Amino acid sequence: MHSLVAEFPPGEGLTAADPASIPLPGPAGPPRVIEIGEITAGIAVPEGRGVRFFSSARDFDGLDGTLFRTAEQATRAARARVRARAHAGTGPDQARLRRA
């Protein structure tokens, strides 16, 4: 059976990492939940040099999987989708945005 314990000669062993060698989050930052008003549109997850949008409501499925440069750009696209749906119809049978 293998041991998970490492033995080092005196004076050697693990040392604290140099802060300059620790990678910092990229320009995309951490994953962010995107909410438009009271509606959770989805989440923007860092990927490469941007963020990938994953929808959490059917009304935003058209944006699902889209790669944006920033989370703010993904938020603007979700807001534009809400505005477009609001202006698309004025009749009583107009589909409304659903809350997740």
Protein backbone atom coordinates (compact mmCIF):
# COMPACT_ATOMS: atom_id res chain seq x y z
CA MET A 1 0.00 0.00 0.00
CA HIS A 2 1.28 3.46 -0.86
CA SER A 3 1.70 6.15 1.75
CA LEU A 4 0.40 9.66 1.23
CA VAL A 5 3.04 11.08 3.54
CA ALA A 6 6.11 12.67 1.95
CA GLU A 7 9.35 12.68 3.86
CA PHE A 8 11.91 15.41 3.23
CA PRO A 9 15.47 15.66 4.53
CA PRO A 10 16.00 18.39 7.16
CA GLY A 11 16.02 21.86 5.61
CA GLU A 12 14.02 20.77 2.57
CA GLY A 13 10.33 20.53 2.06
CA LEU A 14 7.40 22.53 0.94
CA THR A 15 7.68 26.29 1.00
CA ALA A 16 5.12 29.02 0.61
CA ALA A 17 4.36 29.94 -2.98
CA ASP A 18 5.74 33.16 -4.35
CA PRO A 19 2.70 35.49 -4.63
CA ALA A 20 3.84 36.55 -8.09
CA SER A 21 3.56 32.94 -9.32
CA ILE A 22 -0.08 32.49 -8.27
CA PRO A 23 -2.35 32.97 -11.30
CA LEU A 24 -4.93 35.69 -10.88
CA PRO A 25 -8.42 35.51 -12.35
CA GLY A 26 -8.41 36.60 -15.97
CA PRO A 27 -10.23 39.62 -17.34
CA ALA A 28 -13.47 37.67 -17.14
CA GLY A 29 -13.27 37.27 -13.35
CA PRO A 30 -15.28 34.71 -11.38
CA PRO A 31 -18.58 33.21 -12.62
CA ARG A 32 -21.40 35.74 -12.31
CA VAL A 33 -25.16 35.35 -12.07
CA ILE A 34 -26.97 37.66 -14.49
CA GLU A 35 -30.27 39.03 -13.26
CA ILE A 36 -32.55 41.36 -15.18
CA GLY A 37 -34.91 42.89 -12.66
CA GLU A 38 -36.34 39.97 -10.69
CA ILE A 39 -35.54 37.46 -13.44
CA THR A 40 -32.44 35.29 -13.30
CA ALA A 41 -31.34 35.21 -16.93
CA GLY A 42 -28.36 32.91 -16.49
CA ILE A 43 -24.74 32.70 -15.50
CA ALA A 44 -21.59 34.00 -17.19
CA VAL A 45 -18.72 31.52 -16.74
CA PRO A 46 -15.14 32.51 -17.58
CA GLU A 47 -13.77 30.67 -20.59
CA GLY A 48 -10.56 31.54 -22.37
CA ARG A 49 -10.50 35.28 -22.94
CA GLY A 50 -14.20 35.83 -22.31
CA VAL A 51 -17.29 34.39 -20.63
CA ARG A 52 -19.78 31.79 -21.83
CA PHE A 53 -23.44 32.46 -21.07
CA PHE A 54 -25.61 29.62 -19.77
CA SER A 55 -29.31 30.48 -19.63
CA SER A 56 -31.44 29.63 -16.63
CA ALA A 57 -34.77 30.71 -18.15
CA ARG A 58 -36.30 29.73 -21.49
CA ASP A 59 -36.61 33.35 -22.51
CA PHE A 60 -32.81 33.54 -22.68
CA ASP A 61 -32.17 30.19 -24.41
CA GLY A 62 -31.29 32.09 -27.59
CA LEU A 63 -28.17 33.36 -25.81
CA ASP A 64 -27.29 29.96 -24.30
CA GLY A 65 -23.72 28.94 -25.11
CA THR A 66 -22.77 32.33 -26.56
CA LEU A 67 -19.23 33.49 -25.82
CA PHE A 68 -19.01 37.15 -24.80
CA ARG A 69 -15.92 39.27 -24.15
CA THR A 70 -17.14 40.30 -20.67
CA ALA A 71 -19.94 39.53 -18.21
CA GLU A 72 -21.17 43.09 -18.75
CA GLN A 73 -21.55 42.40 -22.47
CA ALA A 74 -23.60 39.27 -21.65
CA THR A 75 -25.77 41.34 -19.30
CA ARG A 76 -26.38 43.94 -22.03
CA ALA A 77 -27.41 41.17 -24.45
CA ALA A 78 -29.87 39.75 -21.88
CA ARG A 79 -31.34 43.23 -21.27
CA ALA A 80 -31.69 43.78 -25.02
CA ARG A 81 -33.57 40.49 -25.27
CA VAL A 82 -36.00 41.63 -22.56
CA ARG A 83 -36.53 44.99 -24.33
CA ALA A 84 -37.04 43.30 -27.70
CA ARG A 85 -39.70 40.98 -26.26
CA ALA A 86 -41.43 43.89 -24.52
CA HIS A 87 -41.60 45.89 -27.76
CA ALA A 88 -42.44 42.91 -29.99
CA GLY A 89 -46.12 42.75 -29.13
CA THR A 90 -48.73 44.91 -27.54
CA GLY A 91 -51.73 42.57 -27.63
CA PRO A 92 -53.24 40.85 -24.60
CA ASP A 93 -52.01 37.45 -25.83
CA GLN A 94 -48.38 38.62 -25.86
CA ALA A 95 -46.17 36.09 -24.09
CA ARG A 96 -44.62 37.55 -20.97
CA LEU A 97 -41.21 36.77 -19.54
CA ARG A 98 -41.42 33.88 -17.14
CA ARG A 99 -39.65 33.82 -13.81
CA ALA A 100 -37.39 30.84 -13.19
